[in-house]
Protein backbone atom coordinates (compact mmCIF):
# COMPACT_ATOMS: atom_id res chain seq x y z
CA MET A 1 0.09 0.30 -0.09
CA SER A 2 1.28 3.78 -1.43
CA GLU A 3 1.33 6.34 1.50
CA ASN A 4 -1.18 7.78 -1.28
CA GLY A 5 -4.81 6.85 0.27
CA ALA A 6 -3.64 4.38 2.78
CA ARG A 7 -6.33 3.50 5.33
CA VAL A 8 -5.35 4.60 8.73
CA LEU A 9 -8.30 3.43 11.33
CA VAL A 10 -8.42 6.11 14.02
CA VAL A 11 -9.83 5.30 17.54
CA ASP A 12 -10.94 7.86 20.12
CA ASP A 13 -13.68 8.00 22.69
CA GLU A 14 -14.58 11.59 21.75
CA PRO A 15 -16.78 12.21 19.12
CA GLN A 16 -15.96 15.92 17.58
CA ILE A 17 -11.70 14.65 18.13
CA LEU A 18 -13.18 11.52 15.55
CA ARG A 19 -14.79 14.12 13.30
CA GLY A 20 -12.37 16.25 13.16
CA LEU A 21 -9.17 13.81 12.53
CA ARG A 22 -11.44 11.71 9.97
CA ALA A 23 -12.01 15.68 8.11
CA ILE A 24 -8.06 16.28 8.11
CA LEU A 25 -7.21 12.97 6.97
CA ARG A 26 -10.12 12.23 4.22
CA GLY A 27 -8.00 16.22 3.30
CA GLU A 28 -4.85 14.59 3.30
CA GLY A 29 -5.89 11.41 1.32
CA PHE A 30 -5.59 8.90 3.84
CA GLN A 31 -8.65 6.66 3.75
CA VAL A 32 -10.17 6.54 7.31
CA ASP A 33 -12.45 4.21 9.60
CA VAL A 34 -13.23 4.98 13.35
CA ALA A 35 -13.46 3.22 16.38
CA SER A 36 -14.75 4.58 20.23
CA ASN A 37 -13.39 1.71 22.16
CA LYS A 38 -11.19 -1.44 22.96
CA ALA A 39 -13.67 -3.73 21.77
CA GLU A 40 -14.54 -1.58 18.31
CA VAL A 41 -11.01 -1.28 17.75
CA LEU A 42 -9.90 -4.90 18.65
CA ASP A 43 -12.37 -5.89 16.49
CA ALA A 44 -12.09 -4.05 13.19
CA VAL A 45 -8.25 -4.44 13.18
CA ALA A 46 -8.84 -8.12 12.85
CA SER A 47 -11.62 -8.25 10.72
CA ARG A 48 -10.45 -5.36 8.43
CA PRO A 49 -6.82 -4.49 8.60
CA PRO A 50 -5.91 -1.05 8.27
CA ASP A 51 -2.60 0.16 7.08
CA ILE A 52 -1.72 2.67 10.11
CA LEU A 53 -3.66 3.33 13.21
CA VAL A 54 -4.41 6.39 15.41
CA LEU A 55 -5.18 5.36 18.93
CA ASP A 56 -5.87 7.61 21.74
CA LEU A 57 -4.56 6.43 25.20
CA VAL A 58 -7.41 6.01 27.14
CA LEU A 59 -10.12 4.76 26.30
CA PRO A 60 -13.92 3.84 27.91
CA ASP A 61 -13.30 0.07 28.27
CA GLY A 62 -9.89 0.11 28.71
CA SER A 63 -6.45 1.66 27.84
CA GLY A 64 -4.54 1.99 24.80
CA VAL A 65 -1.35 0.22 25.88
CA GLU A 66 -3.61 -2.85 26.15
CA VAL A 67 -5.08 -2.69 23.09
CA CYS A 68 -0.82 -2.30 21.80
CA GLU A 69 0.21 -4.73 23.95
CA GLU A 70 -2.73 -7.11 22.42
CA ILE A 71 -2.28 -5.95 18.37
CA ARG A 72 1.31 -6.77 19.02
CA ARG A 73 0.53 -10.58 19.39
CA TRP A 74 -0.08 -11.46 16.35
CA SER A 75 0.44 -8.44 14.18
CA ALA A 76 2.81 -5.94 13.09
CA LEU A 77 0.63 -2.84 12.04
CA PRO A 78 1.79 0.60 12.26
CA ILE A 79 0.35 2.55 15.52
CA ILE A 80 0.60 6.20 16.69
CA VAL A 81 -0.66 7.14 20.12
CA LEU A 82 -2.14 10.21 21.48
CA SER A 83 -1.58 11.18 24.51
CA ALA A 84 -2.95 14.35 26.90
CA VAL A 85 -0.01 16.62 28.56
CA GLY A 86 1.15 14.69 31.79
CA ASP A 87 0.56 11.51 30.54
CA GLU A 88 4.64 10.92 30.11
CA ARG A 89 4.15 7.39 32.06
CA GLU A 90 1.19 5.93 29.78
CA LYS A 91 3.31 7.11 26.20
CA VAL A 92 6.29 5.49 27.75
CA ARG A 93 4.04 1.86 28.75
CA ALA A 94 2.04 2.61 25.44
CA LEU A 95 6.00 2.55 23.58
CA ASN A 96 7.57 0.04 25.64
CA ALA A 97 4.32 -2.11 24.23
CA GLY A 98 4.69 -2.26 21.05
CA ALA A 99 3.16 1.74 19.95
CA ASP A 100 5.69 2.99 17.17
CA ASP A 101 5.66 7.21 17.84
CA TYR A 102 3.41 9.15 19.67
CA MET A 103 1.58 12.34 19.38
CA THR A 104 0.80 14.55 22.67
CA LYS A 105 -2.88 17.00 22.65
CA PRO A 106 -3.58 19.62 21.05
CA PHE A 107 -1.27 18.49 17.67
CA GLY A 108 -0.83 19.91 14.09
CA SER A 109 -2.70 17.78 11.39
CA ASP A 110 0.60 18.58 9.27
CA GLU A 111 2.78 16.86 11.82
CA LEU A 112 -0.11 13.99 11.89
CA ALA A 113 0.53 13.63 8.32
CA ALA A 114 4.00 13.68 7.99
CA ARG A 115 4.36 10.97 10.80
CA LEU A 116 1.93 9.24 8.89
CA ARG A 117 3.61 9.08 6.49
CA ALA A 118 6.94 8.35 7.91
CA LEU A 119 5.43 5.20 8.92
CA LEU A 120 3.73 3.80 5.99
CA ARG A 121 6.87 4.66 4.51
CA ARG A 122 9.11 2.14 6.92
CA ALA A 123 6.84 0.09 7.28
CA HIS A 124 6.79 -0.78 3.64
CA GLU A 125 10.94 -0.90 2.94
CA ALA A 126 12.93 -3.87 3.00
CA THR A 127 14.01 -5.38 6.69
CA THR A 128 17.48 -6.27 4.96
CA GLU A 129 18.06 -3.11 3.78
CA PRO A 130 21.98 -3.43 3.54
CA THR A 131 22.80 0.68 4.03
CA ILE A 132 20.70 3.24 5.43
CA VAL A 133 21.36 6.85 4.35
CA VAL A 134 21.41 9.82 6.52
CA GLY A 135 22.67 13.36 5.95
CA GLU A 136 26.09 12.48 5.54
CA LEU A 137 26.00 9.33 6.88
CA GLU A 138 25.96 5.81 6.12
CA ILE A 139 25.34 2.81 7.97
CA ASP A 140 26.54 0.23 6.40
CA LEU A 141 24.46 -2.81 8.65
CA ALA A 142 26.00 -5.81 7.13
CA ARG A 143 30.08 -3.96 6.93
CA ARG A 144 29.08 -2.80 10.71
CA THR A 145 31.21 0.55 8.80
CA VAL A 146 29.80 4.04 9.55
CA THR A 147 30.41 7.06 7.76
CA SER A 148 30.29 10.41 7.65
CA GLY A 149 30.91 12.61 3.49
CA GLY A 150 33.42 9.31 2.77
CA ARG A 151 35.32 9.11 5.64
CA GLN A 152 35.30 6.13 8.37
CA LEU A 153 34.09 6.92 11.33
CA HIS A 154 35.24 4.62 14.11
CA LEU A 155 32.46 3.54 16.97
CA THR A 156 33.12 0.51 19.65
CA PRO A 157 31.01 -2.00 18.88
CA ILE A 158 28.24 -0.89 21.57
CA GLU A 159 27.98 2.28 20.09
CA PHE A 160 27.20 0.51 16.49
CA ASP A 161 24.88 -1.72 18.21
CA LEU A 162 22.74 1.18 19.69
CA LEU A 163 22.88 3.48 16.31
CA ARG A 164 22.04 0.63 14.43
CA VAL A 165 18.75 0.31 16.50
CA LEU A 166 18.39 3.51 16.41
CA ALA A 167 18.96 3.50 12.40
CA GLN A 168 16.97 0.46 11.92
CA ASN A 169 13.97 2.32 13.47
CA ARG A 170 14.94 6.40 12.38
CA GLY A 171 12.30 8.85 12.48
CA ARG A 172 10.83 7.15 15.24
CA LEU A 173 11.24 7.07 18.59
CA VAL A 174 13.29 4.48 20.67
CA THR A 175 12.84 4.60 24.43
CA HIS A 176 15.08 4.07 26.63
CA ARG A 177 14.49 0.87 27.92
CA THR A 178 13.91 -0.72 24.22
CA LEU A 179 17.46 0.04 23.85
CA LEU A 180 19.28 -1.12 27.13
CA GLN A 181 17.36 -4.20 25.86
CA GLU A 182 18.30 -4.61 22.27
CA VAL A 183 22.01 -3.91 22.82
CA TRP A 184 23.02 -5.20 26.77
CA GLY A 185 19.72 -7.46 27.20
CA PRO A 186 16.79 -7.29 29.35
CA GLY A 187 18.36 -7.35 32.76
CA TYR A 188 19.93 -3.38 32.19
CA ALA A 189 16.14 -2.25 31.32
CA GLU A 190 16.50 0.19 33.59
CA GLU A 191 20.49 1.58 33.60
CA THR A 192 19.52 4.61 31.83
CA HIS A 193 23.07 5.53 32.69
CA TYR A 194 24.65 3.55 30.51
CA LEU A 195 22.32 5.14 27.41
CA ARG A 196 23.77 9.12 28.38
CA VAL A 197 27.10 7.79 28.05
CA HIS A 198 27.26 6.12 25.14
CA ILE A 199 25.03 8.31 23.39
CA ALA A 200 27.18 11.29 24.54
CA HIS A 201 30.41 8.93 22.68
CA ILE A 202 28.32 8.36 19.66
CA ARG A 203 27.16 12.33 18.86
CA SER A 204 30.78 13.34 19.38
CA LYS A 205 31.79 10.99 16.18
CA ILE A 206 28.98 11.72 14.51
CA GLU A 207 27.63 14.86 15.17
CA PRO A 208 29.12 17.75 13.30
CA ASP A 209 27.68 19.95 16.96
CA PRO A 210 27.18 17.30 19.35
CA SER A 211 26.43 20.35 21.85
CA ARG A 212 23.47 20.65 19.00
CA PRO A 213 23.00 17.35 17.55
CA ILE A 214 21.09 17.13 14.37
CA TYR A 215 20.98 13.18 13.96
CA VAL A 216 20.44 11.17 17.53
CA LEU A 217 17.68 13.42 18.77
CA THR A 218 16.57 13.31 22.62
CA GLU A 219 13.13 12.91 23.64
CA PRO A 220 13.61 14.19 27.43
CA GLY A 221 12.41 11.52 29.91
CA VAL A 222 12.03 9.11 27.26
CA GLY A 223 14.19 8.23 24.30
CA TYR A 224 15.93 8.74 20.92
CA ARG A 225 15.24 9.39 17.38
CA LEU A 226 17.66 9.08 14.81
CA ARG A 227 16.30 11.85 12.58
CA ASP A 228 15.16 10.84 9.58
CA GLU A 229 15.28 12.90 6.24
CA PRO A 230 18.17 11.61 3.74
């Protein structure tokens, strides 16, 4: 499915928000289905799978976190969660439960459409992409090398593994817990000080100005995101 004409399932328990999102997304060229509770969204995903899911965290018969957990048992459907300001713990829980991205209400319609298209684009890329290019960076996953402007950068194995996880999810927020589990293992899921040190080292090697990073971006209190633009 191309980004244009992709079918989006929007889930929110407020009719006014559903109407607004449906109008916005249809105006952006998406097909739109709606659901207002956990039971409806799980039934819709199972019976008429959408291309992408926009999911509010607060539902009358459950939570967005529970929906993410259930869907991830059998589907890799791209999921963006919506949350109110102040729901930081719930956002982290949703991301750890399998959500691909989040947006905080209120948000701009242009940003939502851009996030949807970025997720759809990544969902349909080959999972075995050998080289990922972001700006001047070229990350060769097979050879485990990183170059910038043709110059090879020397990353330690741990630094490369962190950058690899970010690169394979470029443009998408990767939580502290996910990075720690992917690189060090489940026993290190809470050891965020490991990340701060190694991310600083990575930035010192790949960023033109490490104090103003343009590649590895911080989502305060949640995780990191590798820039998506080529």
